[in-house]
C-alpha cells in the first residue's frame, strides 16, 4: 500500500515498477490488489527507493 499522507509524489515507485504503481493526481497509488510473483522484486525495489518510506509491502 501507499500511505497517501506520506507520499510526496516523486514518482520513484512508478519508475521502479510501473506495472504496479501509477500516479493519481500528485500521489502514487497501487493499480492491483494482488501483485504477481514476477513483479515482487520490482515492488521491493520501489519500496526501498521511496525517499519518505510511504510504501508498505504486505505478505
PDB file of N, CA and C in Angstrom:
ATOM      1  N   UNK A   1       0.839  -1.188   0.000  1.00  0.00           N
ATOM      2  CA  UNK A   1       0.000   0.000   0.000  1.00  0.00           C
ATOM      3  C   UNK A   1       0.879   1.245   0.000  1.00  0.00           C
ATOM      4  N   UNK A   2       0.299   2.345  -0.431  1.00  0.00           N
ATOM      5  CA  UNK A   2       0.982   3.631  -0.407  1.00  0.00           C
ATOM      6  C   UNK A   2       0.239   4.521   0.576  1.00  0.00           C
ATOM      7  N   UNK A   3       0.964   5.048   1.553  1.00  0.00           N
ATOM      8  CA  UNK A   3       0.378   5.981   2.511  1.00  0.00           C
ATOM      9  C   UNK A   3       0.264   7.336   1.814  1.00  0.00           C
ATOM     10  N   UNK A   4      -0.954   7.713   1.464  1.00  0.00           N
ATOM     11  CA  UNK A   4      -1.167   8.939   0.701  1.00  0.00           C
ATOM     12  C   UNK A   4      -0.761  10.193   1.469  1.00  0.00           C
ATOM     13  N   UNK A   5      -0.845  10.161   2.782  1.00  0.00           N
ATOM     14  CA  UNK A   5      -0.452  11.327   3.568  1.00  0.00           C
ATOM     15  C   UNK A   5       1.058  11.513   3.569  1.00  0.00           C
ATOM     16  N   UNK A   6       1.798  10.406   3.472  1.00  0.00           N
ATOM     17  CA  UNK A   6       3.255  10.463   3.493  1.00  0.00           C
ATOM     18  C   UNK A   6       3.832  10.691   2.100  1.00  0.00           C
ATOM     19  N   UNK A   7       3.177  10.166   1.080  1.00  0.00           N
ATOM     20  CA  UNK A   7       3.660  10.242  -0.301  1.00  0.00           C
ATOM     21  C   UNK A   7       3.883  11.696  -0.715  1.00  0.00           C
ATOM     22  N   UNK A   8       5.046  11.960  -1.334  1.00  0.00           N
ATOM     23  CA  UNK A   8       5.362  13.309  -1.816  1.00  0.00           C
ATOM     24  C   UNK A   8       5.233  13.414  -3.335  1.00  0.00           C
ATOM     25  N   UNK A   9       4.821  12.334  -3.985  1.00  0.00           N
ATOM     26  CA  UNK A   9       4.596  12.365  -5.424  1.00  0.00           C
ATOM     27  C   UNK A   9       5.851  12.441  -6.266  1.00  0.00           C
ATOM     28  N   UNK A  10       6.935  11.864  -5.793  1.00  0.00           N
ATOM     29  CA  UNK A  10       8.211  11.942  -6.518  1.00  0.00           C
ATOM     30  C   UNK A  10       8.273  11.005  -7.726  1.00  0.00           C
ATOM     31  N   UNK A  11       7.364  10.053  -7.796  1.00  0.00           N
ATOM     32  CA  UNK A  11       7.244   9.088  -8.893  1.00  0.00           C
ATOM     33  C   UNK A  11       8.354   8.037  -8.937  1.00  0.00           C
ATOM     34  N   UNK A  12       9.158   7.921  -7.891  1.00  0.00           N
ATOM     35  CA  UNK A  12      10.221   6.904  -7.865  1.00  0.00           C
ATOM     36  C   UNK A  12       9.631   5.502  -7.963  1.00  0.00           C
ATOM     37  N   UNK A  13       8.519   5.250  -7.305  1.00  0.00           N
ATOM     38  CA  UNK A  13       7.899   3.923  -7.351  1.00  0.00           C
ATOM     39  C   UNK A  13       7.343   3.618  -8.737  1.00  0.00           C
ATOM     40  N   UNK A  14       6.795   4.624  -9.390  1.00  0.00           N
ATOM     41  CA  UNK A  14       6.256   4.439 -10.738  1.00  0.00           C
ATOM     42  C   UNK A  14       7.383   4.100 -11.704  1.00  0.00           C
ATOM     43  N   UNK A  15       8.531   4.746 -11.541  1.00  0.00           N
ATOM     44  CA  UNK A  15       9.685   4.453 -12.388  1.00  0.00           C
ATOM     45  C   UNK A  15      10.228   3.053 -12.114  1.00  0.00           C
ATOM     46  N   UNK A  16      10.232   2.632 -10.851  1.00  0.00           N
ATOM     47  CA  UNK A  16      10.777   1.323 -10.481  1.00  0.00           C
ATOM     48  C   UNK A  16       9.844   0.179 -10.858  1.00  0.00           C
ATOM     49  N   UNK A  17       8.546   0.395 -10.771  1.00  0.00           N
ATOM     50  CA  UNK A  17       7.587  -0.687 -11.017  1.00  0.00           C
ATOM     51  C   UNK A  17       6.279  -0.125 -11.596  1.00  0.00           C
ATOM     52  N   UNK A  18       6.314   0.322 -12.852  1.00  0.00           N
ATOM     53  CA  UNK A  18       5.123   0.935 -13.450  1.00  0.00           C
ATOM     54  C   UNK A  18       3.952  -0.016 -13.642  1.00  0.00           C
ATOM     55  N   UNK A  19       4.212  -1.313 -13.597  1.00  0.00           N
ATOM     56  CA  UNK A  19       3.120  -2.281 -13.725  1.00  0.00           C
ATOM     57  C   UNK A  19       2.214  -2.268 -12.498  1.00  0.00           C
ATOM     58  N   UNK A  20       2.755  -1.830 -11.356  1.00  0.00           N
ATOM     59  CA  UNK A  20       2.012  -1.882 -10.095  1.00  0.00           C
ATOM     60  C   UNK A  20       1.608  -0.496  -9.589  1.00  0.00           C
ATOM     61  N   UNK A  21       2.474   0.492  -9.778  1.00  0.00           N
ATOM     62  CA  UNK A  21       2.211   1.834  -9.250  1.00  0.00           C
ATOM     63  C   UNK A  21       1.900   2.808 -10.372  1.00  0.00           C
ATOM     64  N   UNK A  22       1.005   3.760 -10.075  1.00  0.00           N
ATOM     65  CA  UNK A  22       0.712   4.834 -11.009  1.00  0.00           C
ATOM     66  C   UNK A  22       0.400   6.089 -10.204  1.00  0.00           C
ATOM     67  N   UNK A  23       0.438   7.211 -10.864  1.00  0.00           N
ATOM     68  CA  UNK A  23       0.119   8.461 -10.201  1.00  0.00           C
ATOM     69  C   UNK A  23      -1.377   8.734 -10.332  1.00  0.00           C
ATOM     70  N   UNK A  24      -1.968   9.185  -9.246  1.00  0.00           N
ATOM     71  CA  UNK A  24      -3.362   9.633  -9.229  1.00  0.00           C
ATOM     72  C   UNK A  24      -3.310  11.064  -8.706  1.00  0.00           C
ATOM     73  N   UNK A  25      -3.289  11.996  -9.619  1.00  0.00           N
ATOM     74  CA  UNK A  25      -3.060  13.378  -9.219  1.00  0.00           C
ATOM     75  C   UNK A  25      -1.605  13.530  -8.815  1.00  0.00           C
ATOM     76  N   UNK A  26      -1.374  13.995  -7.604  1.00  0.00           N
ATOM     77  CA  UNK A  26       0.003  14.194  -7.145  1.00  0.00           C
ATOM     78  C   UNK A  26       0.450  13.125  -6.147  1.00  0.00           C
ATOM     79  N   UNK A  27      -0.245  11.997  -6.113  1.00  0.00           N
ATOM     80  CA  UNK A  27       0.098  10.893  -5.208  1.00  0.00           C
ATOM     81  C   UNK A  27       0.192   9.588  -5.976  1.00  0.00           C
ATOM     82  N   UNK A  28       1.023   8.683  -5.490  1.00  0.00           N
ATOM     83  CA  UNK A  28       1.135   7.355  -6.095  1.00  0.00           C
ATOM     84  C   UNK A  28       0.071   6.435  -5.502  1.00  0.00           C
ATOM     85  N   UNK A  29      -0.430   5.536  -6.332  1.00  0.00           N
ATOM     86  CA  UNK A  29      -1.399   4.539  -5.891  1.00  0.00           C
ATOM     87  C   UNK A  29      -1.026   3.182  -6.474  1.00  0.00           C
ATOM     88  N   UNK A  30      -1.540   2.131  -5.847  1.00  0.00           N
ATOM     89  CA  UNK A  30      -1.317   0.767  -6.324  1.00  0.00           C
ATOM     90  C   UNK A  30      -2.431   0.431  -7.306  1.00  0.00           C
ATOM     91  N   UNK A  31      -2.068  -0.116  -8.467  1.00  0.00           N
ATOM     92  CA  UNK A  31      -3.047  -0.409  -9.520  1.00  0.00           C
ATOM     93  C   UNK A  31      -3.724  -1.760  -9.370  1.00  0.00           C
ATOM     94  N   UNK A  32      -3.183  -2.657  -8.533  1.00  0.00           N
ATOM     95  CA  UNK A  32      -3.748  -4.007  -8.443  1.00  0.00           C
ATOM     96  C   UNK A  32      -3.783  -4.476  -7.000  1.00  0.00           C
ATOM     97  N   UNK A  33      -4.700  -5.361  -6.682  1.00  0.00           N
ATOM     98  CA  UNK A  33      -4.832  -5.850  -5.309  1.00  0.00           C
ATOM     99  C   UNK A  33      -3.840  -6.964  -5.001  1.00  0.00           C
ATOM    100  N   UNK A  34      -3.495  -7.777  -5.983  1.00  0.00           N
ATOM    101  CA  UNK A  34      -2.538  -8.880  -5.789  1.00  0.00           C
ATOM    102  C   UNK A  34      -1.407  -8.717  -6.793  1.00  0.00           C
ATOM    103  N   UNK A  35      -0.195  -8.586  -6.274  1.00  0.00           N
ATOM    104  CA  UNK A  35       0.972  -8.414  -7.137  1.00  0.00           C
ATOM    105  C   UNK A  35       1.459  -9.781  -7.603  1.00  0.00           C
ATOM    106  N   UNK A  36       1.610  -9.971  -8.907  1.00  0.00           N
ATOM    107  CA  UNK A  36       2.124 -11.247  -9.413  1.00  0.00           C
ATOM    108  C   UNK A  36       3.549 -11.503  -8.920  1.00  0.00           C
ATOM    109  N   UNK A  37       3.878 -12.771  -8.764  1.00  0.00           N
ATOM    110  CA  UNK A  37       5.198 -13.148  -8.250  1.00  0.00           C
ATOM    111  C   UNK A  37       6.337 -12.526  -9.045  1.00  0.00           C
ATOM    112  N   UNK A  38       6.173 -12.408 -10.352  1.00  0.00           N
ATOM    113  CA  UNK A  38       7.259 -11.889 -11.179  1.00  0.00           C
ATOM    114  C   UNK A  38       7.501 -10.391 -10.988  1.00  0.00           C
ATOM    115  N   UNK A  39       6.625  -9.701 -10.258  1.00  0.00           N
ATOM    116  CA  UNK A  39       6.799  -8.268 -10.012  1.00  0.00           C
ATOM    117  C   UNK A  39       7.174  -7.948  -8.572  1.00  0.00           C
ATOM    118  N   UNK A  40       7.268  -8.952  -7.723  1.00  0.00           N
ATOM    119  CA  UNK A  40       7.557  -8.708  -6.304  1.00  0.00           C
ATOM    120  C   UNK A  40       8.911  -8.031  -6.116  1.00  0.00           C
ATOM    121  N   UNK A  41       9.916  -8.465  -6.847  1.00  0.00           N
ATOM    122  CA  UNK A  41      11.248  -7.861  -6.715  1.00  0.00           C
ATOM    123  C   UNK A  41      11.199  -6.374  -7.070  1.00  0.00           C
ATOM    124  N   UNK A  42      10.508  -6.035  -8.142  1.00  0.00           N
ATOM    125  CA  UNK A  42      10.382  -4.630  -8.546  1.00  0.00           C
ATOM    126  C   UNK A  42       9.634  -3.818  -7.496  1.00  0.00           C
ATOM    127  N   UNK A  43       8.620  -4.422  -6.885  1.00  0.00           N
ATOM    128  CA  UNK A  43       7.874  -3.735  -5.829  1.00  0.00           C
ATOM    129  C   UNK A  43       8.753  -3.478  -4.613  1.00  0.00           C
ATOM    130  N   UNK A  44       9.581  -4.439  -4.276  1.00  0.00           N
ATOM    131  CA  UNK A  44      10.515  -4.250  -3.155  1.00  0.00           C
ATOM    132  C   UNK A  44      11.477  -3.105  -3.453  1.00  0.00           C
ATOM    133  N   UNK A  45      11.992  -3.078  -4.677  1.00  0.00           N
ATOM    134  CA  UNK A  45      12.904  -2.008  -5.075  1.00  0.00           C
ATOM    135  C   UNK A  45      12.200  -0.653  -5.005  1.00  0.00           C
ATOM    136  N   UNK A  46      10.946  -0.618  -5.403  1.00  0.00           N
ATOM    137  CA  UNK A  46      10.175   0.625  -5.332  1.00  0.00           C
ATOM    138  C   UNK A  46      10.016   1.074  -3.883  1.00  0.00           C
ATOM    139  N   UNK A  47       9.684   0.137  -2.998  1.00  0.00           N
ATOM    140  CA  UNK A  47       9.515   0.470  -1.581  1.00  0.00           C
ATOM    141  C   UNK A  47      10.826   0.953  -0.972  1.00  0.00           C
ATOM    142  N   UNK A  48      11.913   0.263  -1.299  1.00  0.00           N
ATOM    143  CA  UNK A  48      13.219   0.650  -0.763  1.00  0.00           C
ATOM    144  C   UNK A  48      13.679   1.991  -1.324  1.00  0.00           C
ATOM    145  N   UNK A  49      13.233   2.327  -2.532  1.00  0.00           N
ATOM    146  CA  UNK A  49      13.633   3.575  -3.162  1.00  0.00           C
ATOM    147  C   UNK A  49      12.776   4.767  -2.791  1.00  0.00           C
ATOM    148  N   UNK A  50      11.705   4.527  -2.058  1.00  0.00           N
ATOM    149  CA  UNK A  50      10.826   5.630  -1.661  1.00  0.00           C
ATOM    150  C   UNK A  50      11.548   6.507  -0.635  1.00  0.00           C
ATOM    151  N   UNK A  51      11.771   7.785  -0.949  1.00  0.00           N
ATOM    152  CA  UNK A  51      12.540   8.643  -0.039  1.00  0.00           C
ATOM    153  C   UNK A  51      11.841   8.954   1.280  1.00  0.00           C
ATOM    154  N   UNK A  52      10.527   8.763   1.339  1.00  0.00           N
ATOM    155  CA  UNK A  52       9.786   9.057   2.575  1.00  0.00           C
ATOM    156  C   UNK A  52       9.161   7.812   3.191  1.00  0.00           C
ATOM    157  N   UNK A  53       9.530   6.634   2.665  1.00  0.00           N
ATOM    158  CA  UNK A  53       9.053   5.348   3.178  1.00  0.00           C
ATOM    159  C   UNK A  53       7.523   5.277   3.236  1.00  0.00           C
ATOM    160  N   UNK A  54       6.877   5.713   2.155  1.00  0.00           N
ATOM    161  CA  UNK A  54       5.414   5.725   2.104  1.00  0.00           C
ATOM    162  C   UNK A  54       4.829   4.390   1.659  1.00  0.00           C
ATOM    163  N   UNK A  55       5.677   3.468   1.185  1.00  0.00           N
ATOM    164  CA  UNK A  55       5.188   2.191   0.658  1.00  0.00           C
ATOM    165  C   UNK A  55       5.367   1.090   1.689  1.00  0.00           C
ATOM    166  N   UNK A  56       4.277   0.400   1.983  1.00  0.00           N
ATOM    167  CA  UNK A  56       4.301  -0.742   2.890  1.00  0.00           C
ATOM    168  C   UNK A  56       3.958  -1.987   2.090  1.00  0.00           C
ATOM    169  N   UNK A  57       4.833  -2.970   2.119  1.00  0.00           N
ATOM    170  CA  UNK A  57       4.570  -4.226   1.418  1.00  0.00           C
ATOM    171  C   UNK A  57       3.878  -5.193   2.359  1.00  0.00           C
ATOM    172  N   UNK A  58       2.860  -5.861   1.855  1.00  0.00           N
ATOM    173  CA  UNK A  58       2.109  -6.831   2.644  1.00  0.00           C
ATOM    174  C   UNK A  58       2.382  -8.220   2.108  1.00  0.00           C
ATOM    175  N   UNK A  59       2.525  -9.181   2.999  1.00  0.00           N
ATOM    176  CA  UNK A  59       2.776 -10.563   2.573  1.00  0.00           C
ATOM    177  C   UNK A  59       1.504 -11.243   2.138  1.00  0.00           C
TER     178      UNK A  59
END
